[in-house]
Amino acid sequence: MASAFVAHRAADSLGPGRGYLRNKIMDRLTLFGLFAVVAMLVCYALEARSRWFILAFAGACVLGSIYGFLQGAWPFGLVEAIWSLVAARRWWLARRPATNHLV
């Protein structure tokens, strides 16, 4: 009985039925994770342009952390949470005007 179920699932994933589409299309959690990682990459690349990209990077890290915990990869979620705190601190320190110590 179990082998018939496995054979049915394998045949379902090979054909153009619902199982095939379900395996080929990303689910919402994967799309959320993709969005979070792409947002992190873009914001990190643009950090030199404005300090607001640093804050956006921190927010994207929060999204990445949420994704990690929802996906079940808690170490990834924990590291991303720490990165969000580091980025938020960098944003906070970037608001201060640079001091010229040569004068």
N, C-alpha and C. Protein backbone atom coordinates (compact mmCIF):
# COMPACT_ATOMS: atom_id res chain seq x y z
N MET A 1 0.82 -1.19 0.00
CA MET A 1 0.00 0.00 0.00
C MET A 1 0.86 1.26 0.00
N ALA A 2 1.92 1.25 0.82
CA ALA A 2 2.79 2.42 0.89
C ALA A 2 3.51 2.64 -0.43
N SER A 3 3.93 1.55 -1.08
CA SER A 3 4.63 1.70 -2.35
C SER A 3 3.71 2.24 -3.44
N ALA A 4 2.43 1.90 -3.38
CA ALA A 4 1.48 2.44 -4.34
C ALA A 4 1.32 3.94 -4.15
N PHE A 5 1.33 4.39 -2.90
CA PHE A 5 1.23 5.82 -2.62
C PHE A 5 2.46 6.56 -3.13
N VAL A 6 3.64 5.99 -2.90
CA VAL A 6 4.87 6.61 -3.37
C VAL A 6 4.90 6.65 -4.89
N ALA A 7 4.48 5.58 -5.54
CA ALA A 7 4.45 5.55 -7.00
C ALA A 7 3.47 6.58 -7.54
N HIS A 8 2.33 6.73 -6.87
CA HIS A 8 1.34 7.72 -7.30
C HIS A 8 1.91 9.14 -7.16
N ARG A 9 2.60 9.42 -6.04
CA ARG A 9 3.18 10.74 -5.84
C ARG A 9 4.28 11.01 -6.85
N ALA A 10 5.08 10.00 -7.18
CA ALA A 10 6.15 10.18 -8.16
C ALA A 10 5.57 10.45 -9.54
N ALA A 11 4.53 9.70 -9.91
CA ALA A 11 3.90 9.92 -11.20
C ALA A 11 3.22 11.27 -11.25
N ASP A 12 2.64 11.69 -10.12
CA ASP A 12 1.98 12.99 -10.07
C ASP A 12 2.98 14.13 -10.26
N SER A 13 4.19 13.97 -9.72
CA SER A 13 5.18 15.03 -9.84
C SER A 13 5.82 15.08 -11.23
N LEU A 14 5.68 14.00 -12.01
CA LEU A 14 6.27 13.99 -13.34
C LEU A 14 5.34 14.58 -14.40
N GLY A 15 4.07 14.49 -14.19
CA GLY A 15 3.12 14.95 -15.18
C GLY A 15 2.72 16.40 -14.98
N PRO A 16 1.90 16.92 -15.90
CA PRO A 16 1.50 18.32 -15.82
C PRO A 16 0.31 18.55 -14.87
N GLY A 17 0.12 17.71 -13.88
CA GLY A 17 -0.98 17.87 -12.93
C GLY A 17 -0.66 18.85 -11.83
N ARG A 18 -1.49 18.87 -10.80
CA ARG A 18 -1.34 19.81 -9.69
C ARG A 18 -0.04 19.59 -8.93
N GLY A 19 0.38 18.35 -8.75
CA GLY A 19 1.61 18.07 -8.03
C GLY A 19 2.81 18.64 -8.75
N TYR A 20 2.79 18.58 -10.06
CA TYR A 20 3.89 19.11 -10.85
C TYR A 20 4.00 20.62 -10.64
N LEU A 21 2.87 21.31 -10.73
CA LEU A 21 2.89 22.75 -10.55
C LEU A 21 3.28 23.12 -9.12
N ARG A 22 2.82 22.36 -8.16
CA ARG A 22 3.13 22.65 -6.76
C ARG A 22 4.63 22.54 -6.52
N ASN A 23 5.29 21.62 -7.19
CA ASN A 23 6.73 21.44 -7.01
C ASN A 23 7.53 22.48 -7.80
N LYS A 24 6.99 23.03 -8.84
CA LYS A 24 7.73 23.96 -9.68
C LYS A 24 7.58 25.42 -9.25
N ILE A 25 6.51 25.78 -8.63
CA ILE A 25 6.26 27.16 -8.24
C ILE A 25 6.69 27.34 -6.79
N MET A 26 7.39 28.44 -6.52
CA MET A 26 7.83 28.71 -5.16
C MET A 26 6.64 29.00 -4.25
N ASP A 27 6.72 28.55 -3.03
CA ASP A 27 5.66 28.85 -2.09
C ASP A 27 5.89 30.26 -1.51
N ARG A 28 4.91 30.74 -0.76
CA ARG A 28 4.97 32.11 -0.25
C ARG A 28 6.14 32.32 0.71
N LEU A 29 6.45 31.34 1.52
CA LEU A 29 7.56 31.49 2.46
C LEU A 29 8.89 31.63 1.71
N THR A 30 9.07 30.86 0.66
CA THR A 30 10.30 30.97 -0.14
C THR A 30 10.37 32.31 -0.83
N LEU A 31 9.26 32.80 -1.35
CA LEU A 31 9.24 34.13 -1.98
C LEU A 31 9.55 35.22 -0.96
N PHE A 32 9.03 35.08 0.26
CA PHE A 32 9.33 36.03 1.33
C PHE A 32 10.83 36.03 1.64
N GLY A 33 11.42 34.86 1.73
CA GLY A 33 12.85 34.75 1.98
C GLY A 33 13.67 35.34 0.84
N LEU A 34 13.26 35.09 -0.38
CA LEU A 34 13.94 35.67 -1.55
C LEU A 34 13.87 37.19 -1.51
N PHE A 35 12.69 37.73 -1.19
CA PHE A 35 12.53 39.18 -1.09
C PHE A 35 13.46 39.74 -0.02
N ALA A 36 13.51 39.10 1.15
CA ALA A 36 14.34 39.58 2.25
C ALA A 36 15.81 39.61 1.87
N VAL A 37 16.28 38.55 1.24
CA VAL A 37 17.70 38.47 0.88
C VAL A 37 18.04 39.46 -0.23
N VAL A 38 17.17 39.61 -1.21
CA VAL A 38 17.42 40.58 -2.28
C VAL A 38 17.41 42.00 -1.71
N ALA A 39 16.48 42.29 -0.80
CA ALA A 39 16.44 43.60 -0.16
C ALA A 39 17.72 43.87 0.63
N MET A 40 18.21 42.86 1.33
CA MET A 40 19.48 43.02 2.05
C MET A 40 20.62 43.35 1.10
N LEU A 41 20.69 42.61 0.00
CA LEU A 41 21.76 42.81 -0.97
C LEU A 41 21.71 44.21 -1.58
N VAL A 42 20.53 44.64 -1.99
CA VAL A 42 20.39 45.96 -2.62
C VAL A 42 20.71 47.07 -1.63
N CYS A 43 20.16 46.97 -0.43
CA CYS A 43 20.40 48.02 0.57
C CYS A 43 21.87 48.07 0.98
N TYR A 44 22.50 46.92 1.11
CA TYR A 44 23.93 46.88 1.45
C TYR A 44 24.76 47.54 0.35
N ALA A 45 24.41 47.28 -0.89
CA ALA A 45 25.16 47.86 -2.01
C ALA A 45 25.00 49.38 -2.08
N LEU A 46 23.88 49.90 -1.58
CA LEU A 46 23.59 51.33 -1.67
C LEU A 46 23.87 52.09 -0.37
N GLU A 47 24.46 51.45 0.62
CA GLU A 47 24.69 52.10 1.91
C GLU A 47 25.52 53.36 1.82
N ALA A 48 26.45 53.44 0.91
CA ALA A 48 27.32 54.62 0.79
C ALA A 48 26.56 55.84 0.28
N ARG A 49 25.43 55.64 -0.35
CA ARG A 49 24.67 56.76 -0.91
C ARG A 49 23.90 57.54 0.14
N SER A 50 23.39 56.83 1.13
CA SER A 50 22.58 57.50 2.16
C SER A 50 22.54 56.63 3.40
N ARG A 51 22.49 57.29 4.56
CA ARG A 51 22.38 56.52 5.79
C ARG A 51 21.05 55.82 5.91
N TRP A 52 20.07 56.24 5.12
CA TRP A 52 18.75 55.59 5.16
C TRP A 52 18.80 54.18 4.56
N PHE A 53 19.76 53.93 3.69
CA PHE A 53 19.95 52.57 3.18
C PHE A 53 20.50 51.65 4.27
N ILE A 54 21.24 52.24 5.23
CA ILE A 54 21.70 51.44 6.36
C ILE A 54 20.51 51.00 7.20
N LEU A 55 19.58 51.92 7.42
CA LEU A 55 18.37 51.57 8.17
C LEU A 55 17.52 50.57 7.40
N ALA A 56 17.43 50.75 6.09
CA ALA A 56 16.68 49.78 5.27
C ALA A 56 17.35 48.41 5.31
N PHE A 57 18.68 48.38 5.35
CA PHE A 57 19.40 47.12 5.49
C PHE A 57 19.04 46.45 6.81
N ALA A 58 18.96 47.24 7.87
CA ALA A 58 18.58 46.69 9.18
C ALA A 58 17.18 46.09 9.12
N GLY A 59 16.25 46.79 8.45
CA GLY A 59 14.90 46.27 8.30
C GLY A 59 14.86 44.99 7.47
N ALA A 60 15.67 44.95 6.43
CA ALA A 60 15.74 43.74 5.60
C ALA A 60 16.33 42.58 6.39
N CYS A 61 17.27 42.87 7.29
CA CYS A 61 17.82 41.81 8.16
C CYS A 61 16.76 41.29 9.11
N VAL A 62 15.88 42.17 9.58
CA VAL A 62 14.76 41.71 10.42
C VAL A 62 13.87 40.76 9.62
N LEU A 63 13.58 41.13 8.37
CA LEU A 63 12.78 40.24 7.52
C LEU A 63 13.49 38.91 7.31
N GLY A 64 14.81 38.95 7.09
CA GLY A 64 15.57 37.72 6.95
C GLY A 64 15.54 36.87 8.20
N SER A 65 15.57 37.52 9.35
CA SER A 65 15.49 36.81 10.62
C SER A 65 14.13 36.13 10.78
N ILE A 66 13.08 36.85 10.45
CA ILE A 66 11.73 36.27 10.51
C ILE A 66 11.64 35.06 9.59
N TYR A 67 12.18 35.20 8.39
CA TYR A 67 12.19 34.08 7.45
C TYR A 67 12.93 32.88 8.03
N GLY A 68 14.09 33.12 8.62
CA GLY A 68 14.87 32.03 9.18
C GLY A 68 14.12 31.27 10.25
N PHE A 69 13.46 32.00 11.14
CA PHE A 69 12.70 31.33 12.20
C PHE A 69 11.47 30.60 11.65
N LEU A 70 10.78 31.23 10.69
CA LEU A 70 9.60 30.57 10.11
C LEU A 70 9.98 29.32 9.32
N GLN A 71 11.14 29.36 8.69
CA GLN A 71 11.58 28.24 7.87
C GLN A 71 12.13 27.11 8.71
N GLY A 72 12.45 27.41 9.96
CA GLY A 72 12.97 26.38 10.85
C GLY A 72 14.48 26.39 10.99
N ALA A 73 15.12 27.35 10.37
CA ALA A 73 16.58 27.48 10.47
C ALA A 73 16.89 28.55 11.51
N TRP A 74 16.72 28.19 12.78
CA TRP A 74 16.86 29.18 13.85
C TRP A 74 18.26 29.78 13.94
N PRO A 75 19.35 29.07 13.60
CA PRO A 75 20.65 29.76 13.63
C PRO A 75 20.72 30.92 12.63
N PHE A 76 20.14 30.72 11.46
CA PHE A 76 20.08 31.80 10.46
C PHE A 76 19.25 32.96 10.99
N GLY A 77 18.11 32.64 11.60
CA GLY A 77 17.26 33.68 12.17
C GLY A 77 17.96 34.46 13.26
N LEU A 78 18.72 33.77 14.09
CA LEU A 78 19.45 34.42 15.17
C LEU A 78 20.56 35.33 14.64
N VAL A 79 21.31 34.84 13.67
CA VAL A 79 22.39 35.65 13.09
C VAL A 79 21.83 36.89 12.39
N GLU A 80 20.74 36.73 11.68
CA GLU A 80 20.13 37.89 11.01
C GLU A 80 19.60 38.90 12.02
N ALA A 81 19.09 38.43 13.15
CA ALA A 81 18.63 39.34 14.20
C ALA A 81 19.80 40.15 14.75
N ILE A 82 20.93 39.49 14.94
CA ILE A 82 22.13 40.19 15.42
C ILE A 82 22.60 41.20 14.38
N TRP A 83 22.60 40.81 13.10
CA TRP A 83 22.99 41.73 12.04
C TRP A 83 22.07 42.95 11.99
N SER A 84 20.79 42.75 12.27
CA SER A 84 19.86 43.89 12.25
C SER A 84 20.21 44.87 13.37
N LEU A 85 20.62 44.36 14.54
CA LEU A 85 21.03 45.24 15.63
C LEU A 85 22.33 45.98 15.29
N VAL A 86 23.27 45.28 14.67
CA VAL A 86 24.52 45.92 14.26
C VAL A 86 24.25 47.02 13.23
N ALA A 87 23.39 46.74 12.27
CA ALA A 87 23.07 47.74 11.24
C ALA A 87 22.31 48.92 11.83
N ALA A 88 21.41 48.67 12.78
CA ALA A 88 20.68 49.77 13.42
C ALA A 88 21.64 50.66 14.19
N ARG A 89 22.62 50.06 14.84
CA ARG A 89 23.64 50.86 15.55
C ARG A 89 24.46 51.67 14.56
N ARG A 90 24.84 51.07 13.43
CA ARG A 90 25.59 51.81 12.41
C ARG A 90 24.79 52.98 11.88
N TRP A 91 23.48 52.79 11.70
CA TRP A 91 22.62 53.89 11.24
C TRP A 91 22.59 54.99 12.29
N TRP A 92 22.47 54.62 13.55
CA TRP A 92 22.40 55.60 14.63
C TRP A 92 23.70 56.41 14.70
N LEU A 93 24.83 55.74 14.56
CA LEU A 93 26.12 56.44 14.59
C LEU A 93 26.37 57.26 13.33
N ALA A 94 25.79 56.88 12.22
CA ALA A 94 25.99 57.60 10.96
C ALA A 94 25.26 58.93 10.94
N ARG A 95 24.33 59.14 11.85
CA ARG A 95 23.60 60.41 11.87
C ARG A 95 24.44 61.54 12.44
N ARG A 96 25.48 61.19 13.17
CA ARG A 96 26.36 62.20 13.73
C ARG A 96 27.23 62.79 12.63
N PRO A 97 27.43 64.10 12.66
CA PRO A 97 28.32 64.70 11.66
C PRO A 97 29.77 64.28 11.92
N ALA A 98 30.50 64.11 10.85
CA ALA A 98 31.91 63.73 10.99
C ALA A 98 32.69 64.89 11.58
N THR A 99 33.53 64.61 12.52
CA THR A 99 34.36 65.65 13.14
C THR A 99 35.73 65.65 12.49
N ASN A 100 36.26 66.81 12.31
CA ASN A 100 37.57 66.95 11.71
C ASN A 100 38.59 67.15 12.84
N HIS A 101 39.41 66.17 13.08
CA HIS A 101 40.39 66.24 14.16
C HIS A 101 41.68 66.93 13.74
N LEU A 102 41.79 67.34 12.50
CA LEU A 102 43.02 67.98 12.01
C LEU A 102 43.05 69.47 12.32
N VAL A 103 41.95 70.09 12.65
CA VAL A 103 41.87 71.53 12.88
C VAL A 103 42.34 71.86 14.26
